[in-house]
């Protein structure tokens, strides 16, 4: 018999990414200065979240989450599993075939004729 964790209600189970010990620039950080990591992979999704079209989160998605209400699961020795309320998931990382550029109009900002004149 195999044990597993199934989130209930509006929650998902996330395996937290390892904390970084080195910055992107290559600087090695001491243990005391560890940067908290709040990204991870979805391991399981509750039925409530799976059936709710408002939350497009699927198993294996990489997500960014707010760790305040995350509940650690003492299921693994390295304790990287967390039950997280779906409302604490703030972003899902997606890949796109074609890069999307954000123009001012995409961001809800219209460019006026005066703005264009300033650029010339």
N, C-alpha and C. Protein backbone atom coordinates (compact mmCIF):
# COMPACT_ATOMS: atom_id res chain seq x y z
N UNK A 1 0.84 -1.18 0.00
CA UNK A 1 0.00 0.00 0.00
C UNK A 1 0.89 1.25 0.00
N UNK A 2 0.61 2.18 -0.90
CA UNK A 2 1.38 3.40 -1.05
C UNK A 2 0.64 4.56 -0.41
N UNK A 3 1.35 5.39 0.35
CA UNK A 3 0.77 6.58 0.95
C UNK A 3 0.96 7.76 0.03
N UNK A 4 -0.04 8.63 -0.01
CA UNK A 4 0.09 9.88 -0.76
C UNK A 4 -0.75 10.94 -0.07
N UNK A 5 -0.51 12.19 -0.43
CA UNK A 5 -1.23 13.31 0.16
C UNK A 5 -2.19 13.85 -0.88
N UNK A 6 -3.45 13.99 -0.49
CA UNK A 6 -4.47 14.55 -1.38
C UNK A 6 -5.02 15.83 -0.75
N UNK A 7 -4.81 16.97 -1.41
CA UNK A 7 -5.34 18.22 -0.85
C UNK A 7 -6.86 18.24 -0.92
N UNK A 8 -7.50 18.83 0.08
CA UNK A 8 -8.95 18.94 0.12
C UNK A 8 -9.35 20.41 0.06
N UNK A 9 -10.57 20.65 -0.40
CA UNK A 9 -11.06 22.03 -0.50
C UNK A 9 -10.31 22.79 -1.56
N UNK A 10 -10.27 24.11 -1.46
CA UNK A 10 -9.60 24.93 -2.48
C UNK A 10 -8.09 25.00 -2.25
N UNK A 11 -7.43 23.84 -2.31
CA UNK A 11 -5.98 23.78 -2.04
C UNK A 11 -5.27 22.92 -3.08
N UNK A 12 -3.95 23.15 -3.17
CA UNK A 12 -3.11 22.33 -4.02
C UNK A 12 -1.88 21.91 -3.23
N UNK A 13 -1.22 20.87 -3.68
CA UNK A 13 0.00 20.39 -3.05
C UNK A 13 1.16 20.80 -3.95
N UNK A 14 2.14 21.49 -3.35
CA UNK A 14 3.28 22.02 -4.11
C UNK A 14 4.58 21.47 -3.54
N UNK A 15 5.47 21.05 -4.44
CA UNK A 15 6.84 20.70 -4.04
C UNK A 15 7.66 21.96 -4.27
N UNK A 16 8.09 22.56 -3.18
CA UNK A 16 8.84 23.83 -3.24
C UNK A 16 10.18 23.62 -3.92
N UNK A 17 10.55 24.58 -4.76
CA UNK A 17 11.87 24.54 -5.40
C UNK A 17 12.94 24.71 -4.34
N UNK A 18 14.11 24.20 -4.63
CA UNK A 18 15.26 24.34 -3.72
C UNK A 18 15.61 25.81 -3.61
N UNK A 19 16.02 26.23 -2.43
CA UNK A 19 16.48 27.60 -2.24
C UNK A 19 17.79 27.79 -2.97
N UNK A 20 17.95 28.99 -3.51
CA UNK A 20 19.19 29.27 -4.25
C UNK A 20 20.33 29.54 -3.29
N UNK A 21 21.47 28.96 -3.58
CA UNK A 21 22.69 29.22 -2.80
C UNK A 21 23.65 30.11 -3.57
N UNK A 22 23.26 30.46 -4.81
CA UNK A 22 24.11 31.28 -5.65
C UNK A 22 23.21 32.24 -6.43
N UNK A 23 23.60 33.50 -6.54
CA UNK A 23 22.82 34.46 -7.31
C UNK A 23 23.03 34.21 -8.80
N UNK A 24 22.21 34.84 -9.62
CA UNK A 24 22.35 34.67 -11.07
C UNK A 24 23.69 35.19 -11.56
N UNK A 25 24.26 36.13 -10.86
CA UNK A 25 25.56 36.67 -11.23
C UNK A 25 26.72 35.80 -10.81
N UNK A 26 26.43 34.71 -10.06
CA UNK A 26 27.47 33.78 -9.68
C UNK A 26 28.01 33.96 -8.27
N UNK A 27 27.42 34.88 -7.50
CA UNK A 27 27.90 35.10 -6.13
C UNK A 27 27.35 34.01 -5.23
N UNK A 28 28.23 33.33 -4.50
CA UNK A 28 27.81 32.27 -3.58
C UNK A 28 27.35 32.92 -2.28
N UNK A 29 26.15 32.54 -1.83
CA UNK A 29 25.58 33.13 -0.62
C UNK A 29 25.87 32.27 0.59
N UNK A 30 26.19 32.88 1.72
CA UNK A 30 26.33 32.10 2.95
C UNK A 30 24.96 31.61 3.41
N UNK A 31 24.92 30.57 4.25
CA UNK A 31 23.66 30.00 4.70
C UNK A 31 22.76 31.02 5.38
N UNK A 32 23.31 31.97 6.12
CA UNK A 32 22.50 32.95 6.83
C UNK A 32 21.76 33.88 5.88
N UNK A 33 22.27 34.08 4.68
CA UNK A 33 21.68 35.02 3.74
C UNK A 33 20.82 34.32 2.70
N UNK A 34 20.33 33.15 3.02
CA UNK A 34 19.55 32.37 2.06
C UNK A 34 18.33 33.14 1.58
N UNK A 35 18.15 33.19 0.26
CA UNK A 35 17.01 33.88 -0.34
C UNK A 35 15.81 32.94 -0.29
N UNK A 36 14.70 33.37 0.32
CA UNK A 36 13.55 32.47 0.38
C UNK A 36 12.99 32.22 -1.02
N UNK A 37 12.68 30.98 -1.30
CA UNK A 37 12.14 30.60 -2.59
C UNK A 37 10.65 30.37 -2.45
N UNK A 38 9.85 30.96 -3.28
CA UNK A 38 8.42 30.75 -3.22
C UNK A 38 7.87 30.27 -4.57
N UNK A 39 8.69 29.50 -5.26
CA UNK A 39 8.23 28.86 -6.47
C UNK A 39 8.25 27.36 -6.23
N UNK A 40 7.47 26.66 -7.02
CA UNK A 40 7.45 25.21 -6.90
C UNK A 40 6.61 24.58 -7.99
N UNK A 41 6.57 23.25 -7.97
CA UNK A 41 5.79 22.47 -8.93
C UNK A 41 4.56 21.90 -8.24
N UNK A 42 3.44 21.95 -8.95
CA UNK A 42 2.20 21.38 -8.43
C UNK A 42 2.30 19.87 -8.49
N UNK A 43 2.11 19.22 -7.35
CA UNK A 43 2.16 17.76 -7.24
C UNK A 43 0.76 17.17 -7.34
N UNK A 44 -0.21 17.85 -6.70
CA UNK A 44 -1.59 17.37 -6.72
C UNK A 44 -2.53 18.56 -6.60
N UNK A 45 -3.70 18.41 -7.19
CA UNK A 45 -4.73 19.44 -7.18
C UNK A 45 -6.00 18.83 -6.60
N UNK A 46 -6.66 19.54 -5.69
CA UNK A 46 -7.91 19.02 -5.12
C UNK A 46 -8.99 18.98 -6.21
N UNK A 47 -10.00 18.16 -6.00
CA UNK A 47 -11.10 18.07 -6.96
C UNK A 47 -11.81 19.41 -7.12
N UNK A 48 -11.93 20.15 -6.03
CA UNK A 48 -12.59 21.46 -6.10
C UNK A 48 -11.86 22.40 -7.04
N UNK A 49 -10.54 22.43 -6.95
CA UNK A 49 -9.74 23.30 -7.83
C UNK A 49 -9.75 22.76 -9.25
N UNK A 50 -9.64 21.45 -9.40
CA UNK A 50 -9.63 20.83 -10.73
C UNK A 50 -10.91 21.12 -11.51
N UNK A 51 -12.05 21.17 -10.82
CA UNK A 51 -13.33 21.39 -11.48
C UNK A 51 -13.70 22.86 -11.61
N UNK A 52 -12.90 23.77 -11.08
CA UNK A 52 -13.19 25.19 -11.13
C UNK A 52 -12.39 25.83 -12.26
N UNK A 53 -13.08 26.32 -13.29
CA UNK A 53 -12.40 26.91 -14.45
C UNK A 53 -11.73 28.25 -14.12
N UNK A 54 -12.07 28.84 -12.98
CA UNK A 54 -11.48 30.11 -12.57
C UNK A 54 -10.01 29.95 -12.21
N UNK A 55 -9.60 28.74 -11.85
CA UNK A 55 -8.21 28.47 -11.45
C UNK A 55 -7.57 27.50 -12.43
N UNK A 56 -6.90 28.02 -13.47
CA UNK A 56 -6.28 27.16 -14.48
C UNK A 56 -4.92 26.61 -14.02
N UNK A 57 -4.93 25.87 -12.93
CA UNK A 57 -3.70 25.29 -12.39
C UNK A 57 -3.81 23.78 -12.55
N UNK A 58 -2.76 23.19 -13.13
CA UNK A 58 -2.75 21.76 -13.37
C UNK A 58 -1.54 21.11 -12.69
N UNK A 59 -1.62 19.82 -12.55
CA UNK A 59 -0.50 19.06 -12.02
C UNK A 59 0.73 19.32 -12.90
N UNK A 60 1.89 19.45 -12.29
CA UNK A 60 3.19 19.69 -12.91
C UNK A 60 3.43 21.15 -13.31
N UNK A 61 2.45 22.04 -13.15
CA UNK A 61 2.68 23.46 -13.44
C UNK A 61 3.69 24.03 -12.46
N UNK A 62 4.51 24.95 -12.94
CA UNK A 62 5.41 25.69 -12.04
C UNK A 62 4.64 26.93 -11.62
N UNK A 63 4.60 27.19 -10.31
CA UNK A 63 3.80 28.29 -9.79
C UNK A 63 4.62 29.16 -8.84
N UNK A 64 4.15 30.37 -8.68
CA UNK A 64 4.68 31.32 -7.70
C UNK A 64 3.60 31.44 -6.64
N UNK A 65 3.97 31.25 -5.36
CA UNK A 65 2.95 31.29 -4.31
C UNK A 65 3.42 32.07 -3.11
N UNK A 66 2.45 32.61 -2.38
CA UNK A 66 2.72 33.34 -1.14
C UNK A 66 2.80 32.30 -0.03
N UNK A 67 3.93 32.21 0.68
CA UNK A 67 4.14 31.12 1.63
C UNK A 67 3.50 31.30 3.01
N UNK A 68 2.84 32.44 3.25
CA UNK A 68 2.34 32.71 4.59
C UNK A 68 1.40 31.62 5.12
N UNK A 69 0.43 31.19 4.33
CA UNK A 69 -0.54 30.19 4.78
C UNK A 69 -0.23 28.78 4.30
N UNK A 70 0.96 28.58 3.73
CA UNK A 70 1.36 27.25 3.27
C UNK A 70 1.58 26.34 4.48
N UNK A 71 1.05 25.14 4.40
CA UNK A 71 1.18 24.18 5.50
C UNK A 71 2.21 23.13 5.10
N UNK A 72 3.34 23.04 5.83
CA UNK A 72 4.35 22.03 5.49
C UNK A 72 3.81 20.63 5.76
N UNK A 73 4.14 19.71 4.88
CA UNK A 73 3.72 18.33 5.02
C UNK A 73 4.92 17.51 5.45
N UNK A 74 4.85 16.91 6.63
CA UNK A 74 5.95 16.11 7.16
C UNK A 74 5.86 14.70 6.58
N UNK A 75 5.98 14.63 5.26
CA UNK A 75 5.82 13.37 4.54
C UNK A 75 7.16 12.90 3.99
N UNK A 76 8.05 13.86 3.76
CA UNK A 76 9.37 13.57 3.22
C UNK A 76 10.41 14.12 4.20
N UNK A 77 11.57 13.51 4.22
CA UNK A 77 12.61 13.95 5.16
C UNK A 77 13.10 15.37 4.87
N UNK A 78 13.12 15.77 3.59
CA UNK A 78 13.60 17.12 3.27
C UNK A 78 12.49 18.17 3.35
N UNK A 79 11.24 17.74 3.61
CA UNK A 79 10.12 18.63 3.90
C UNK A 79 9.91 19.72 2.84
N UNK A 80 9.84 19.33 1.58
CA UNK A 80 9.63 20.29 0.51
C UNK A 80 8.19 20.36 0.04
N UNK A 81 7.29 19.56 0.64
CA UNK A 81 5.89 19.55 0.24
C UNK A 81 5.09 20.53 1.09
N UNK A 82 4.21 21.27 0.43
CA UNK A 82 3.36 22.23 1.13
C UNK A 82 1.95 22.16 0.57
N UNK A 83 0.95 22.19 1.46
CA UNK A 83 -0.44 22.34 1.05
C UNK A 83 -0.70 23.84 1.06
N UNK A 84 -1.12 24.36 -0.09
CA UNK A 84 -1.25 25.81 -0.27
C UNK A 84 -2.67 26.13 -0.71
N UNK A 85 -3.32 27.10 -0.06
CA UNK A 85 -4.63 27.55 -0.54
C UNK A 85 -4.49 28.12 -1.95
N UNK A 86 -5.45 27.81 -2.80
CA UNK A 86 -5.37 28.25 -4.19
C UNK A 86 -5.31 29.77 -4.30
N UNK A 87 -5.89 30.47 -3.34
CA UNK A 87 -5.85 31.94 -3.36
C UNK A 87 -4.44 32.48 -3.13
N UNK A 88 -3.54 31.66 -2.58
CA UNK A 88 -2.16 32.09 -2.36
C UNK A 88 -1.26 31.84 -3.56
N UNK A 89 -1.79 31.20 -4.60
CA UNK A 89 -1.03 31.03 -5.84
C UNK A 89 -1.23 32.31 -6.64
N UNK A 90 -0.15 33.03 -6.87
CA UNK A 90 -0.26 34.33 -7.51
C UNK A 90 0.11 34.31 -8.99
N UNK A 91 0.77 33.25 -9.46
CA UNK A 91 1.13 33.18 -10.87
C UNK A 91 1.45 31.74 -11.27
N UNK A 92 1.20 31.46 -12.54
CA UNK A 92 1.57 30.18 -13.14
C UNK A 92 2.53 30.49 -14.27
N UNK A 93 3.67 29.82 -14.29
CA UNK A 93 4.65 30.03 -15.35
C UNK A 93 4.19 29.27 -16.59
N UNK A 94 4.07 29.97 -17.71
CA UNK A 94 3.65 29.36 -18.97
C UNK A 94 4.73 29.58 -20.01
N UNK A 95 4.79 28.70 -20.98
CA UNK A 95 5.71 28.86 -22.11
C UNK A 95 4.90 29.19 -23.34
N UNK A 96 5.44 30.07 -24.15
CA UNK A 96 4.76 30.50 -25.36
C UNK A 96 5.64 30.15 -26.56
N UNK A 97 5.01 29.74 -27.63
CA UNK A 97 5.75 29.43 -28.86
C UNK A 97 6.36 30.69 -29.45
N UNK A 98 5.60 31.78 -29.45
CA UNK A 98 6.10 33.04 -29.98
C UNK A 98 6.17 34.05 -28.85
N UNK A 99 7.29 34.75 -28.72
CA UNK A 99 7.38 35.75 -27.66
C UNK A 99 6.37 36.86 -27.88
N UNK A 100 5.73 37.27 -26.81
CA UNK A 100 4.71 38.30 -26.90
C UNK A 100 5.31 39.60 -26.41
N UNK A 101 5.26 40.63 -27.24
CA UNK A 101 5.76 41.93 -26.82
C UNK A 101 4.62 42.70 -26.19
N UNK A 102 4.94 43.49 -25.20
CA UNK A 102 3.94 44.29 -24.51
C UNK A 102 4.07 45.73 -24.97
N UNK A 103 3.11 46.17 -25.74
CA UNK A 103 3.10 47.57 -26.13
C UNK A 103 2.35 48.36 -25.08
N UNK A 104 2.37 49.66 -25.19
CA UNK A 104 1.66 50.50 -24.22
C UNK A 104 0.17 50.20 -24.22
N UNK A 105 -0.40 49.91 -25.38
CA UNK A 105 -1.83 49.62 -25.44
C UNK A 105 -2.15 48.29 -24.77
N UNK A 106 -1.21 47.32 -24.79
CA UNK A 106 -1.42 46.05 -24.10
C UNK A 106 -1.53 46.25 -22.60
N UNK A 107 -0.85 47.26 -22.10
CA UNK A 107 -0.82 47.51 -20.67
C UNK A 107 -1.90 48.49 -20.24
N UNK A 108 -2.80 48.82 -21.15
CA UNK A 108 -3.88 49.74 -20.82
C UNK A 108 -3.46 51.19 -20.86
N UNK A 109 -2.32 51.46 -21.51
CA UNK A 109 -1.84 52.82 -21.60
C UNK A 109 -1.86 53.23 -23.06
N UNK A 110 -2.58 54.26 -23.36
CA UNK A 110 -2.64 54.74 -24.72
C UNK A 110 -1.55 55.78 -24.92
N UNK A 111 -0.92 55.75 -26.06
CA UNK A 111 0.12 56.71 -26.36
C UNK A 111 -0.52 57.88 -27.09
N UNK A 112 -0.36 59.08 -26.57
CA UNK A 112 -0.96 60.25 -27.20
C UNK A 112 -0.02 60.80 -28.27
N UNK A 113 -0.56 61.73 -29.08
CA UNK A 113 0.26 62.37 -30.11
C UNK A 113 1.41 63.14 -29.47
N UNK A 114 1.16 63.75 -28.30
CA UNK A 114 2.21 64.50 -27.61
C UNK A 114 3.36 63.57 -27.20
N UNK A 115 3.04 62.36 -26.75
CA UNK A 115 4.06 61.41 -26.35
C UNK A 115 4.92 61.01 -27.54
N UNK A 116 4.26 60.82 -28.69
CA UNK A 116 4.99 60.43 -29.89
C UNK A 116 5.93 61.55 -30.34
N UNK A 117 5.46 62.83 -30.20
CA UNK A 117 6.29 63.95 -30.59
C UNK A 117 7.54 64.05 -29.71
N UNK A 118 7.40 63.70 -28.42
CA UNK A 118 8.54 63.72 -27.52
C UNK A 118 9.60 62.72 -27.91
N UNK A 119 9.19 61.62 -28.55
CA UNK A 119 10.12 60.58 -28.92
C UNK A 119 10.91 60.91 -30.18
N UNK A 120 10.38 61.83 -30.98
CA UNK A 120 11.04 62.16 -32.26
C UNK A 120 12.12 63.17 -32.10
